[in-house]
C-alpha atoms as a PDB file:
ATOM      1  CA  MET A   1      -4.198   5.476  13.009  1.00  0.00           C
ATOM      2  CA  GLY A   2      -1.646   6.741  15.476  1.00  0.00           C
ATOM      3  CA  PRO A   3       1.658   6.023  17.154  1.00  0.00           C
ATOM      4  CA  ALA A   4       2.321   2.561  18.487  1.00  0.00           C
ATOM      5  CA  THR A   5       5.598   2.301  20.340  1.00  0.00           C
ATOM      6  CA  GLY A   6       5.092  -0.921  22.242  1.00  0.00           C
ATOM      7  CA  MET A   7       5.770   0.776  25.560  1.00  0.00           C
ATOM      8  CA  ALA A   8       3.812  -0.464  28.553  1.00  0.00           C
ATOM      9  CA  ASN A   9       0.650   1.438  29.397  1.00  0.00           C
ATOM     10  CA  ASP A  10       1.480   1.443  33.093  1.00  0.00           C
ATOM     11  CA  VAL A  11       0.701   4.721  34.822  1.00  0.00           C
ATOM     12  CA  SER A  12       3.172   3.789  37.570  1.00  0.00           C
ATOM     13  CA  GLU A  13       5.899   4.505  34.995  1.00  0.00           C
ATOM     14  CA  PRO A  14       6.699   8.096  33.960  1.00  0.00           C
ATOM     15  CA  ALA A  15       4.908   9.301  30.854  1.00  0.00           C
ATOM     16  CA  GLN A  16       7.065   9.118  27.735  1.00  0.00           C
ATOM     17  CA  CYS A  17       7.639  12.260  25.672  1.00  0.00           C
ATOM     18  CA  LEU A  18       7.384  11.656  21.930  1.00  0.00           C
ATOM     19  CA  THR A  19       9.322  13.989  19.635  1.00  0.00           C
ATOM     20  CA  MET A  20       9.344  14.135  15.827  1.00  0.00           C
ATOM     21  CA  ALA A  21      12.344  11.826  15.913  1.00  0.00           C
ATOM     22  CA  ASP A  22      10.437   9.272  18.003  1.00  0.00           C
ATOM     23  CA  PHE A  23       7.617   9.209  15.458  1.00  0.00           C
ATOM     24  CA  GLY A  24      10.152   8.574  12.699  1.00  0.00           C
ATOM     25  CA  ALA A  25      11.511   5.550  14.562  1.00  0.00           C
ATOM     26  CA  PHE A  26       8.389   3.485  13.865  1.00  0.00           C
ATOM     27  CA  GLU A  27       7.316   4.900  10.481  1.00  0.00           C
ATOM     28  CA  ARG A  28       9.171   2.123   8.624  1.00  0.00           C
ATOM     29  CA  ARG A  29       7.592  -0.570  10.762  1.00  0.00           C
ATOM     30  CA  TYR A  30       4.035   0.460   9.973  1.00  0.00           C
ATOM     31  CA  ARG A  31       4.610   1.729   6.401  1.00  0.00           C
ATOM     32  CA  LEU A  32       3.396   5.245   7.134  1.00  0.00           C
ATOM     33  CA  TYR A  33       4.735   8.762   7.472  1.00  0.00           C
ATOM     34  CA  HIS A  34       3.881  11.753   9.657  1.00  0.00           C
ATOM     35  CA  ARG A  35       3.434  15.456   9.079  1.00  0.00           C
ATOM     36  CA  PHE A  36       3.755  18.108  11.787  1.00  0.00           C
ATOM     37  CA  PRO A  37       2.223  21.322  10.379  1.00  0.00           C
ATOM     38  CA  SER A  38       3.446  23.626  13.161  1.00  0.00           C
ATOM     39  CA  LEU A  39       6.969  22.208  13.601  1.00  0.00           C
ATOM     40  CA  THR A  40      10.210  22.343  11.639  1.00  0.00           C
ATOM     41  CA  ARG A  41      13.018  19.821  11.291  1.00  0.00           C
ATOM     42  CA  ASN A  42      15.006  21.764  13.869  1.00  0.00           C
ATOM     43  CA  ASP A  43      12.365  20.735  16.437  1.00  0.00           C
ATOM     44  CA  ALA A  44      12.894  17.011  15.796  1.00  0.00           C
ATOM     45  CA  ALA A  45      14.887  16.069  18.863  1.00  0.00           C
ATOM     46  CA  SER A  46      13.831  18.656  21.404  1.00  0.00           C
ATOM     47  CA  THR A  47      10.129  19.464  21.079  1.00  0.00           C
ATOM     48  CA  PRO A  48       7.607  16.957  22.519  1.00  0.00           C
ATOM     49  CA  VAL A  49       4.761  16.348  20.091  1.00  0.00           C
ATOM     50  CA  ALA A  50       2.866  14.270  22.628  1.00  0.00           C
ATOM     51  CA  GLU A  51       3.383  12.556  25.960  1.00  0.00           C
ATOM     52  CA  GLY A  52       1.709   9.679  27.724  1.00  0.00           C
ATOM     53  CA  TRP A  53       1.425   5.925  27.401  1.00  0.00           C
ATOM     54  CA  VAL A  54       0.823   3.611  24.453  1.00  0.00           C
ATOM     55  CA  ASP A  55       0.243  -0.116  24.840  1.00  0.00           C
ATOM     56  CA  GLU A  56       0.521  -2.552  21.942  1.00  0.00           C
ATOM     57  CA  CYS A  57      -0.927  -6.032  22.378  1.00  0.00           C
ATOM     58  CA  ARG A  58      -0.402  -8.751  19.732  1.00  0.00           C
ATOM     59  CA  PRO A  59      -2.664 -11.660  20.701  1.00  0.00           C
ATOM     60  CA  ASP A  60      -2.151 -13.515  17.415  1.00  0.00           C
ATOM     61  CA  MET A  61      -0.341 -13.379  14.080  1.00  0.00           C
ATOM     62  CA  GLY A  62      -1.448 -10.434  11.982  1.00  0.00           C
ATOM     63  CA  ILE A  63      -3.503  -8.897  14.791  1.00  0.00           C
ATOM     64  CA  SER A  64      -2.593  -5.937  16.962  1.00  0.00           C
ATOM     65  CA  LEU A  65      -4.583  -3.966  19.508  1.00  0.00           C
ATOM     66  CA  VAL A  66      -3.106  -0.586  20.381  1.00  0.00           C
ATOM     67  CA  GLY A  67      -4.321   1.581  23.245  1.00  0.00           C
ATOM     68  CA  SER A  68      -3.221   5.223  23.379  1.00  0.00           C
ATOM     69  CA  ARG A  69      -3.437   7.634  26.312  1.00  0.00           C
ATOM     70  CA  LEU A  70      -1.758  10.824  25.193  1.00  0.00           C
ATOM     71  CA  THR A  71      -1.684  14.532  25.752  1.00  0.00           C
ATOM     72  CA  ILE A  72      -1.092  16.018  22.302  1.00  0.00           C
ATOM     73  CA  HIS A  73       0.891  19.250  22.296  1.00  0.00           C
ATOM     74  CA  HIS A  74       1.292  19.745  18.541  1.00  0.00           C
ATOM     75  CA  THR A  75      -1.018  18.716  15.717  1.00  0.00           C
ATOM     76  CA  TYR A  76       0.242  15.736  13.746  1.00  0.00           C
ATOM     77  CA  GLU A  77      -0.980  13.789  10.713  1.00  0.00           C
ATOM     78  CA  THR A  78      -0.486  10.098   9.973  1.00  0.00           C
ATOM     79  CA  HIS A  79      -0.510   8.978   6.330  1.00  0.00           C
ATOM     80  CA  ALA A  80      -0.373   5.388   5.044  1.00  0.00           C
ATOM     81  CA  LEU A  81       2.298   4.844   2.388  1.00  0.00           C
ATOM     82  CA  ALA A  82       1.290   3.619  -1.065  1.00  0.00           C
ATOM     83  CA  ASP A  83       2.889   0.228  -0.394  1.00  0.00           C
ATOM     84  CA  ALA A  84       1.209  -0.255   3.001  1.00  0.00           C
ATOM     85  CA  PRO A  85      -0.258  -3.774   3.270  1.00  0.00           C
ATOM     86  CA  ALA A  86      -3.975  -4.435   2.955  1.00  0.00           C
ATOM     87  CA  HIS A  87      -5.592  -4.273   6.367  1.00  0.00           C
ATOM     88  CA  VAL A  88      -8.786  -3.807   8.344  1.00  0.00           C
ATOM     89  CA  SER A  89      -8.777  -1.253  11.156  1.00  0.00           C
ATOM     90  CA  ILE A  90     -11.312  -0.599  13.872  1.00  0.00           C
ATOM     91  CA  ILE A  91     -10.770   2.678  15.689  1.00  0.00           C
ATOM     92  CA  VAL A  92     -12.634   3.632  18.865  1.00  0.00           C
ATOM     93  CA  MET A  93     -12.290   7.124  20.337  1.00  0.00           C
ATOM     94  CA  LEU A  94     -12.787   7.229  24.114  1.00  0.00           C
ATOM     95  CA  GLU A  95     -11.596  10.799  24.672  1.00  0.00           C
ATOM     96  CA  GLY A  96     -10.569  13.550  22.285  1.00  0.00           C
ATOM     97  CA  GLN A  97     -11.264  13.819  18.584  1.00  0.00           C
ATOM     98  CA  ALA A  98      -9.633  12.723  15.333  1.00  0.00           C
ATOM     99  CA  GLU A  99     -10.344  13.421  11.680  1.00  0.00           C
ATOM    100  CA  LEU A 100      -9.850  10.538   9.254  1.00  0.00           C
ATOM    101  CA  MET A 101      -9.643  10.563   5.474  1.00  0.00           C
ATOM    102  CA  HIS A 102     -10.462   7.250   3.773  1.00  0.00           C
ATOM    103  CA  GLY A 103     -10.305   7.872   0.045  1.00  0.00           C
ATOM    104  CA  GLU A 104     -12.782  10.696  -0.501  1.00  0.00           C
ATOM    105  CA  LYS A 105     -14.601  10.062   2.780  1.00  0.00           C
ATOM    106  CA  ARG A 106     -13.966  12.474   5.645  1.00  0.00           C
ATOM    107  CA  ILE A 107     -14.797  10.918   9.020  1.00  0.00           C
ATOM    108  CA  THR A 108     -14.758  12.790  12.317  1.00  0.00           C
ATOM    109  CA  LEU A 109     -14.518  10.582  15.395  1.00  0.00           C
ATOM    110  CA  SER A 110     -15.739  12.055  18.675  1.00  0.00           C
ATOM    111  CA  PRO A 111     -15.690  10.467  22.150  1.00  0.00           C
ATOM    112  CA  ARG A 112     -17.360   7.029  22.397  1.00  0.00           C
ATOM    113  CA  GLU A 113     -17.603   6.665  18.616  1.00  0.00           C
ATOM    114  CA  GLY A 114     -16.055   3.966  16.456  1.00  0.00           C
ATOM    115  CA  VAL A 115     -15.461   3.145  12.809  1.00  0.00           C
ATOM    116  CA  MET A 116     -14.276   0.120  10.805  1.00  0.00           C
ATOM    117  CA  LEU A 117     -12.107   0.771   7.743  1.00  0.00           C
ATOM    118  CA  SER A 118     -11.016  -1.747   5.116  1.00  0.00           C
ATOM    119  CA  ASN A 119      -8.187  -0.915   2.736  1.00  0.00           C
ATOM    120  CA  ASP A 120      -6.615  -3.053   0.036  1.00  0.00           C
ATOM    121  CA  GLY A 121      -3.680  -0.636  -0.206  1.00  0.00           C
ATOM    122  CA  SER A 122      -5.013   1.425  -3.108  1.00  0.00           C
ATOM    123  CA  CYS A 123      -7.178   3.774  -1.049  1.00  0.00           C
ATOM    124  CA  PRO A 124      -5.453   6.835   0.517  1.00  0.00           C
ATOM    125  CA  LEU A 125      -5.767   6.739   4.289  1.00  0.00           C
ATOM    126  CA  SER A 126      -4.785   9.373   6.824  1.00  0.00           C
ATOM    127  CA  ALA A 127      -5.615  10.713  10.260  1.00  0.00           C
ATOM    128  CA  ARG A 128      -5.230  14.154  11.824  1.00  0.00           C
ATOM    129  CA  HIS A 129      -4.899  14.648  15.592  1.00  0.00           C
ATOM    130  CA  MET A 130      -5.230  18.223  16.779  1.00  0.00           C
ATOM    131  CA  GLY A 131      -2.863  19.646  19.371  1.00  0.00           C
ATOM    132  CA  GLY A 132      -4.044  20.873  22.738  1.00  0.00           C
ATOM    133  CA  GLN A 133      -6.186  17.843  23.617  1.00  0.00           C
ATOM    134  CA  ARG A 134      -6.131  14.649  25.635  1.00  0.00           C
ATOM    135  CA  LEU A 135      -6.594  11.573  23.469  1.00  0.00           C
ATOM    136  CA  ARG A 136      -7.584   8.090  24.578  1.00  0.00           C
ATOM    137  CA  ALA A 137      -8.210   5.634  21.768  1.00  0.00           C
ATOM    138  CA  ILE A 138      -8.185   1.964  20.788  1.00  0.00           C
ATOM    139  CA  ASN A 139      -7.013   0.773  17.376  1.00  0.00           C
ATOM    140  CA  LEU A 140      -7.498  -2.833  16.248  1.00  0.00           C
ATOM    141  CA  THR A 141      -5.587  -3.759  13.077  1.00  0.00           C
ATOM    142  CA  LEU A 142      -5.899  -7.038  11.177  1.00  0.00           C
ATOM    143  CA  LEU A 143      -3.470  -7.892   8.371  1.00  0.00           C
ATOM    144  CA  ASP A 144      -3.624 -10.685   5.824  1.00  0.00           C
ATOM    145  CA  ASP A 145      -1.852 -13.067   8.231  1.00  0.00           C
ATOM    146  CA  ALA A 146      -4.872 -12.888  10.551  1.00  0.00           C
ATOM    147  CA  ARG A 147      -6.834 -15.036   8.112  1.00  0.00           C
ATOM    148  CA  THR A 148      -4.491 -17.928   8.873  1.00  0.00           C
ATOM    149  CA  ALA A 149      -4.218 -17.243  12.586  1.00  0.00           C
ATOM    150  CA  GLN A 150      -7.994 -16.959  13.101  1.00  0.00           C
ATOM    151  CA  SER A 151      -9.781 -19.451  10.851  1.00  0.00           C
ATOM    152  CA  ARG A 152     -13.200 -18.192  11.944  1.00  0.00           C
ATOM    153  CA  LEU A 153     -12.301 -14.786  10.513  1.00  0.00           C
ATOM    154  CA  ALA A 154     -10.939 -16.168   7.234  1.00  0.00           C
ATOM    155  CA  ALA A 155     -14.084 -15.674   5.132  1.00  0.00           C
ATOM    156  CA  PRO A 156     -15.091 -12.168   6.305  1.00  0.00           C
ATOM    157  CA  LEU A 157     -11.495 -10.925   6.279  1.00  0.00           C
ATOM    158  CA  THR A 158     -10.976 -12.273   2.758  1.00  0.00           C
ATOM    159  CA  GLU A 159     -13.994 -10.301   1.607  1.00  0.00           C
ATOM    160  CA  LEU A 160     -12.840  -7.140   3.387  1.00  0.00           C
ATOM    161  CA  LEU A 161      -9.145  -7.355   2.456  1.00  0.00           C
ATOM    162  CA  THR A 162      -9.702  -8.123  -1.210  1.00  0.00           C
ATOM    163  CA  SER A 163     -12.217  -5.324  -1.753  1.00  0.00           C
ATOM    164  CA  THR A 164     -11.154  -3.140  -4.674  1.00  0.00           C
ATOM    165  CA  ALA A 165     -12.737  -0.023  -3.232  1.00  0.00           C
ATOM    166  CA  GLY A 166     -12.428  -0.425   0.503  1.00  0.00           C
ATOM    167  CA  GLY A 167     -15.169   0.629   2.841  1.00  0.00           C
ATOM    168  CA  ALA A 168     -15.979   2.563   6.002  1.00  0.00           C
ATOM    169  CA  TRP A 169     -18.672   1.697   8.516  1.00  0.00           C
ATOM    170  CA  ARG A 170     -19.725   3.591  11.631  1.00  0.00           C
ATOM    171  CA  LEU A 171     -19.939   1.377  14.722  1.00  0.00           C
ATOM    172  CA  ALA A 172     -22.608   1.667  17.414  1.00  0.00           C
ATOM    173  CA  LEU A 173     -20.786   0.102  20.368  1.00  0.00           C
ATOM    174  CA  PRO A 174     -22.683  -0.797  23.551  1.00  0.00           C
ATOM    175  CA  GLU A 175     -21.727   0.913  26.786  1.00  0.00           C
ATOM    176  CA  GLY A 176     -20.610  -2.391  28.283  1.00  0.00           C
ATOM    177  CA  LEU A 177     -17.962  -2.860  25.593  1.00  0.00           C
ATOM    178  CA  LEU A 178     -16.859   0.775  25.829  1.00  0.00           C
ATOM    179  CA  SER A 179     -16.433   0.342  29.594  1.00  0.00           C
ATOM    180  CA  SER A 180     -14.375  -2.838  29.045  1.00  0.00           C
ATOM    181  CA  LEU A 181     -12.147  -1.008  26.565  1.00  0.00           C
ATOM    182  CA  GLU A 182     -11.644   1.760  29.130  1.00  0.00           C
ATOM    183  CA  GLN A 183     -10.648  -0.793  31.782  1.00  0.00           C
ATOM    184  CA  TRP A 184      -8.202  -2.517  29.431  1.00  0.00           C
ATOM    185  CA  LEU A 185      -6.694   0.810  28.438  1.00  0.00           C
ATOM    186  CA  ASN A 186      -6.189   1.809  32.075  1.00  0.00           C
ATOM    187  CA  ALA A 187      -4.663  -1.517  33.159  1.00  0.00           C
ATOM    188  CA  PRO A 188      -0.897  -2.216  33.181  1.00  0.00           C
ATOM    189  CA  GLY A 189       0.031  -3.561  29.759  1.00  0.00           C
ATOM    190  CA  ALA A 190       1.854  -6.767  30.601  1.00  0.00           C
ATOM    191  CA  GLY A 191       1.193 -10.442  31.242  1.00  0.00           C
ATOM    192  CA  THR A 192      -0.879 -13.234  29.781  1.00  0.00           C
ATOM    193  CA  SER A 193      -4.153 -12.005  31.293  1.00  0.00           C
ATOM    194  CA  HIS A 194      -3.751  -8.608  29.623  1.00  0.00           C
ATOM    195  CA  THR A 195      -3.131 -10.285  26.260  1.00  0.00           C
ATOM    196  CA  LEU A 196      -6.128 -12.599  26.636  1.00  0.00           C
ATOM    197  CA  LEU A 197      -8.364  -9.665  27.551  1.00  0.00           C
ATOM    198  CA  GLY A 198      -7.057  -7.819  24.504  1.00  0.00           C
ATOM    199  CA  GLU A 199      -7.850 -10.794  22.272  1.00  0.00           C
ATOM    200  CA  GLY A 200     -11.404 -10.998  23.635  1.00  0.00           C
ATOM    201  CA  LEU A 201     -11.995  -7.296  23.141  1.00  0.00           C
ATOM    202  CA  GLY A 202     -10.555  -7.478  19.637  1.00  0.00           C
ATOM    203  CA  LEU A 203     -12.981 -10.259  18.696  1.00  0.00           C
ATOM    204  CA  GLN A 204     -15.902  -8.268  20.113  1.00  0.00           C
ATOM    205  CA  LEU A 205     -14.875  -5.228  18.085  1.00  0.00           C
ATOM    206  CA  MET A 206     -14.612  -7.349  14.950  1.00  0.00           C
ATOM    207  CA  ALA A 207     -18.066  -8.820  15.592  1.00  0.00           C
ATOM    208  CA  HIS A 208     -19.576  -5.329  15.794  1.00  0.00           C
ATOM    209  CA  GLY A 209     -17.681  -4.308  12.664  1.00  0.00           C
ATOM    210  CA  LEU A 210     -19.021  -7.264  10.683  1.00  0.00           C
ATOM    211  CA  ALA A 211     -22.542  -6.587  11.967  1.00  0.00           C
ATOM    212  CA  ALA A 212     -22.265  -2.975  10.797  1.00  0.00           C
ATOM    213  CA  LYS A 213     -21.132  -4.133   7.363  1.00  0.00           C
ATOM    214  CA  GLU A 214     -23.998  -6.615   7.087  1.00  0.00           C
ATOM    215  CA  ASN A 215     -26.492  -3.859   7.894  1.00  0.00           C
ATOM    216  CA  ALA A 216     -24.956  -1.607   5.250  1.00  0.00           C
ATOM    217  CA  PRO A 217     -23.873  -3.957   2.443  1.00  0.00           C
ATOM    218  CA  THR A 218     -22.905  -1.140   0.097  1.00  0.00           C
ATOM    219  CA  GLY A 219     -20.030  -0.241   2.402  1.00  0.00           C
ATOM    220  CA  GLN A 220     -21.108   3.366   2.649  1.00  0.00           C
ATOM    221  CA  MET A 221     -21.046   5.561   5.716  1.00  0.00           C
ATOM    222  CA  ASP A 222     -24.410   6.514   7.155  1.00  0.00           C
ATOM    223  CA  HIS A 223     -25.900   9.801   5.999  1.00  0.00           C
ATOM    224  CA  LEU A 224     -25.649  11.670   9.288  1.00  0.00           C
ATOM    225  CA  GLY A 225     -23.747  14.893   8.894  1.00  0.00           C
ATOM    226  CA  VAL A 226     -21.213  16.475  11.235  1.00  0.00           C
ATOM    227  CA  ARG A 227     -23.878  18.771  12.715  1.00  0.00           C
ATOM    228  CA  ASP A 228     -26.234  15.856  13.420  1.00  0.00           C
ATOM    229  CA  ARG A 229     -23.485  13.828  15.052  1.00  0.00           C
ATOM    230  CA  HIS A 230     -22.432  16.782  17.189  1.00  0.00           C
ATOM    231  CA  HIS A 231     -25.972  17.267  18.502  1.00  0.00           C
ATOM    232  CA  LEU A 232     -26.536  13.542  19.006  1.00  0.00           C
ATOM    233  CA  ALA A 233     -23.283  13.270  20.928  1.00  0.00           C
ATOM    234  CA  ARG A 234     -24.491  16.117  23.138  1.00  0.00           C
ATOM    235  CA  VAL A 235     -27.671  14.165  23.935  1.00  0.00           C
ATOM    236  CA  ARG A 236     -25.747  10.987  24.703  1.00  0.00           C
ATOM    237  CA  GLU A 237     -23.289  12.908  26.885  1.00  0.00           C
ATOM    238  CA  CYS A 238     -26.217  14.380  28.825  1.00  0.00           C
ATOM    239  CA  LEU A 239     -27.691  10.914  29.395  1.00  0.00           C
ATOM    240  CA  HIS A 240     -24.303   9.483  30.334  1.00  0.00           C
ATOM    241  CA  ASP A 241     -23.450  12.221  32.832  1.00  0.00           C
ATOM    242  CA  HIS A 242     -26.932  12.618  34.354  1.00  0.00           C
ATOM    243  CA  PRO A 243     -28.683   9.225  34.274  1.00  0.00           C
ATOM    244  CA  ASP A 244     -30.604  10.098  37.445  1.00  0.00           C
ATOM    245  CA  ALA A 245     -32.438  13.020  35.829  1.00  0.00           C
ATOM    246  CA  SER A 246     -36.016  12.725  34.601  1.00  0.00           C
ATOM    247  CA  HIS A 247     -35.345  12.827  30.874  1.00  0.00           C
ATOM    248  CA  GLY A 248     -38.133  13.341  28.363  1.00  0.00           C
ATOM    249  CA  LEU A 249     -37.996  12.998  24.592  1.00  0.00           C
ATOM    250  CA  GLU A 250     -39.212  16.579  24.089  1.00  0.00           C
ATOM    251  CA  SER A 251     -36.443  18.151  26.184  1.00  0.00           C
ATOM    252  CA  LEU A 252     -33.786  15.903  24.643  1.00  0.00           C
ATOM    253  CA  ALA A 253     -35.046  16.810  21.168  1.00  0.00           C
ATOM    254  CA  GLN A 254     -34.609  20.488  22.025  1.00  0.00           C
ATOM    255  CA  LEU A 255     -31.046  19.756  23.130  1.00  0.00           C
ATOM    256  CA  ALA A 256     -30.445  18.033  19.790  1.00  0.00           C
ATOM    257  CA  CYS A 257     -32.116  20.826  17.780  1.00  0.00           C
ATOM    258  CA  MET A 258     -34.378  18.181  16.221  1.00  0.00           C
ATOM    259  CA  SER A 259     -37.986  17.119  16.418  1.00  0.00           C
ATOM    260  CA  PRO A 260     -38.695  14.172  18.750  1.00  0.00           C
ATOM    261  CA  SER A 261     -39.357  11.822  15.818  1.00  0.00           C
ATOM    262  CA  VAL A 262     -36.122  12.822  14.051  1.00  0.00           C
ATOM    263  CA  LEU A 263     -34.126  12.426  17.269  1.00  0.00           C
ATOM    264  CA  ARG A 264     -35.625   8.969  17.792  1.00  0.00           C
ATOM    265  CA  GLU A 265     -34.660   7.880  14.271  1.00  0.00           C
ATOM    266  CA  LYS A 266     -31.205   9.437  14.117  1.00  0.00           C
ATOM    267  CA  PHE A 267     -30.124   8.352  17.601  1.00  0.00           C
ATOM    268  CA  ARG A 268     -30.850   4.721  16.683  1.00  0.00           C
ATOM    269  CA  GLN A 269     -29.068   5.174  13.361  1.00  0.00           C
ATOM    270  CA  ALA A 270     -25.979   6.582  15.090  1.00  0.00           C
ATOM    271  CA  TYR A 271     -25.786   4.307  18.142  1.00  0.00           C
ATOM    272  CA  GLY A 272     -27.772   1.185  17.291  1.00  0.00           C
ATOM    273  CA  GLN A 273     -30.289   1.579  20.122  1.00  0.00           C
ATOM    274  CA  SER A 274     -33.065   3.935  21.138  1.00  0.00           C
ATOM    275  CA  VAL A 275     -32.573   6.964  23.380  1.00  0.00           C
ATOM    276  CA  PHE A 276     -34.236   5.264  26.321  1.00  0.00           C
ATOM    277  CA  GLU A 277     -32.555   1.908  25.749  1.00  0.00           C
ATOM    278  CA  TYR A 278     -29.270   3.767  26.088  1.00  0.00           C
ATOM    279  CA  LEU A 279     -30.481   5.571  29.227  1.00  0.00           C
ATOM    280  CA  ARG A 280     -31.662   2.315  30.828  1.00  0.00           C
ATOM    281  CA  GLN A 281     -28.352   0.612  30.054  1.00  0.00           C
ATOM    282  CA  ARG A 282     -26.372   3.527  31.459  1.00  0.00           C
ATOM    283  CA  ARG A 283     -28.444   3.596  34.667  1.00  0.00           C
ATOM    284  CA  LEU A 284     -27.956  -0.115  35.296  1.00  0.00           C
ATOM    285  CA  GLU A 285     -24.217  -0.015  34.632  1.00  0.00           C
ATOM    286  CA  MET A 286     -23.855   2.909  37.034  1.00  0.00           C
ATOM    287  CA  ALA A 287     -25.968   1.013  39.584  1.00  0.00           C
ATOM    288  CA  HIS A 288     -23.680  -2.010  39.284  1.00  0.00           C
ATOM    289  CA  ASP A 289     -20.640   0.158  40.028  1.00  0.00           C
ATOM    290  CA  LEU A 290     -22.323   1.816  43.027  1.00  0.00           C
ATOM    291  CA  LEU A 291     -23.352  -1.525  44.498  1.00  0.00           C
ATOM    292  CA  ARG A 292     -19.734  -2.673  44.253  1.00  0.00           C
ATOM    293  CA  GLU A 293     -18.769   0.405  46.244  1.00  0.00           C
ATOM    294  CA  GLY A 294     -21.025  -0.738  49.074  1.00  0.00           C
ATOM    295  CA  TYR A 295     -24.022   1.586  48.762  1.00  0.00           C
ATOM    296  CA  SER A 296     -27.453   0.313  49.761  1.00  0.00           C
ATOM    297  CA  VAL A 297     -29.944  -0.904  47.179  1.00  0.00           C
ATOM    298  CA  GLN A 298     -32.416   1.874  48.048  1.00  0.00           C
ATOM    299  CA  TYR A 299     -29.746   4.564  47.720  1.00  0.00           C
ATOM    300  CA  VAL A 300     -28.522   3.162  44.396  1.00  0.00           C
ATOM    301  CA  ALA A 301     -32.048   2.953  42.976  1.00  0.00           C
ATOM    302  CA  THR A 302     -32.637   6.629  43.747  1.00  0.00           C
ATOM    303  CA  ARG A 303     -29.157   7.670  42.646  1.00  0.00           C
ATOM    304  CA  VAL A 304     -29.600   6.241  39.154  1.00  0.00           C
ATOM    305  CA  GLY A 305     -33.083   7.633  38.607  1.00  0.00           C
ATOM    306  CA  TYR A 306     -35.498   4.891  39.695  1.00  0.00           C
ATOM    307  CA  ARG A 307     -38.394   6.119  41.842  1.00  0.00           C
ATOM    308  CA  HIS A 308     -39.292   2.638  43.054  1.00  0.00           C
ATOM    309  CA  ALA A 309     -36.750   0.081  44.260  1.00  0.00           C
ATOM    310  CA  SER A 310     -38.945  -2.752  42.975  1.00  0.00           C
ATOM    311  CA  ASN A 311     -38.772  -1.455  39.395  1.00  0.00           C
ATOM    312  CA  PHE A 312     -35.030  -1.052  39.757  1.00  0.00           C
ATOM    313  CA  ALA A 313     -34.650  -4.614  41.092  1.00  0.00           C
ATOM    314  CA  THR A 314     -36.635  -6.051  38.173  1.00  0.00           C
ATOM    315  CA  ALA A 315     -34.617  -4.177  35.537  1.00  0.00           C
ATOM    316  CA  PHE A 316     -31.321  -5.026  37.236  1.00  0.00           C
ATOM    317  CA  LYS A 317     -32.107  -8.741  37.413  1.00  0.00           C
ATOM    318  CA  GLN A 318     -33.125  -8.805  33.740  1.00  0.00           C
ATOM    319  CA  ARG A 319     -29.733  -7.386  32.789  1.00  0.00           C
ATOM    320  CA  TYR A 320     -27.381  -9.114  35.259  1.00  0.00           C
ATOM    321  CA  GLY A 321     -29.246 -12.304  36.125  1.00  0.00           C
ATOM    322  CA  LEU A 322     -29.486 -11.623  39.856  1.00  0.00           C
ATOM    323  CA  SER A 323     -31.136  -9.020  42.038  1.00  0.00           C
ATOM    324  CA  PRO A 324     -29.251  -5.960  43.341  1.00  0.00           C
ATOM    325  CA  ARG A 325     -29.584  -7.287  46.897  1.00  0.00           C
ATOM    326  CA  ALA A 326     -28.162 -10.680  45.895  1.00  0.00           C
ATOM    327  CA  LEU A 327     -25.222  -9.003  44.183  1.00  0.00           C
ATOM    328  CA  HIS A 328     -24.605  -6.807  47.207  1.00  0.00           C
ATOM    329  CA  GLN A 329     -24.632  -9.825  49.519  1.00  0.00           C
ATOM    330  CA  ARG A 330     -22.356 -11.844  47.241  1.00  0.00           C
ATOM    331  CA  LEU A 331     -19.825  -9.025  47.039  1.00  0.00           C
ATOM    332  CA  SER A 332     -19.951  -8.567  50.814  1.00  0.00           C
ATOM    333  CA  LEU A 333     -19.164 -12.266  51.372  1.00  0.00           C
ATOM    334  CA  THR A 334     -16.222 -12.207  48.970  1.00  0.00           C
ATOM    335  CA  GLY A 335     -14.871  -8.961  50.390  1.00  0.00           C
ATOM    336  CA  VAL A 336     -15.126  -7.173  47.035  1.00  0.00           C
ATOM    337  CA  VAL A 337     -17.473  -4.441  48.266  1.00  0.00           C
ATOM    338  CA  ASN A 338     -15.761  -1.246  49.309  1.00  0.00           C
ATOM    339  CA  THR A 339     -17.464   0.557  52.153  1.00  0.00           C
ATOM    340  CA  PRO A 340     -18.028   4.213  51.190  1.00  0.00           C
END
């Protein structure tokens, strides 16, 4: 939950400053209200609460995909009004942190984490964004109208939107989808292609949300606590930032303050894949980017942590359907490769 102003997310345009008055301008539209704990009414017109870019994409009736890139100066809270319509939201945090309240459930979202929330309108829903941070997030919202607009979503949305208790499900999103969300968020927010990309990403997010619900039919959050999630995020950040390092389960377990067996179990529970599946995926995605920049296959293999180029070539072809050398040659012919 967060501001959605409909302004283009085009970094070529100056960042927009959002004051308390600006937030009030779209409260009626989304049936919500805001609280600003550190500000008074006298600050309404003059004090920027946040500044940056927000892009709202509406690919179909009842569906909106909002991307936010903001620097938050003052803490603000977003609360859904009692008469807010039933809806399903999928929120993905790419940078920064937010604290959500869904009924009695308190959910902290850290970078590269996602959650799906369903609300029939009777469940209190709020979000708190702390000041002094950069926030980059994606919010997919589906209203009742989406059941008509997207017939393939009619049955699952009916079940979610008519739930008497609502539900919350953690999402383990693959790195490929997170990277695509980043690219969409960073692209200028205009034109048919941007809308079509937004629609595709929205459907992928919904697919992961429905898969999470099917794996947890009671609608309950997983049992990982805040401390566990903090330590697991530290392990994933280490793997993401240093894929070339020689990582071992023992050393990663020490970083997570867990035993190796507990780390193995909880990492899969949190992210939907094993520690080393994540590492392999991260290495290959980084390799793909480096090859596009024009680096040699041997250099890329070493740079992403493979000791032998043959092992790297086999893993790369399994993931992308062609060898690193073939990709490099294809990009060279099309002029896509950038020479470093």
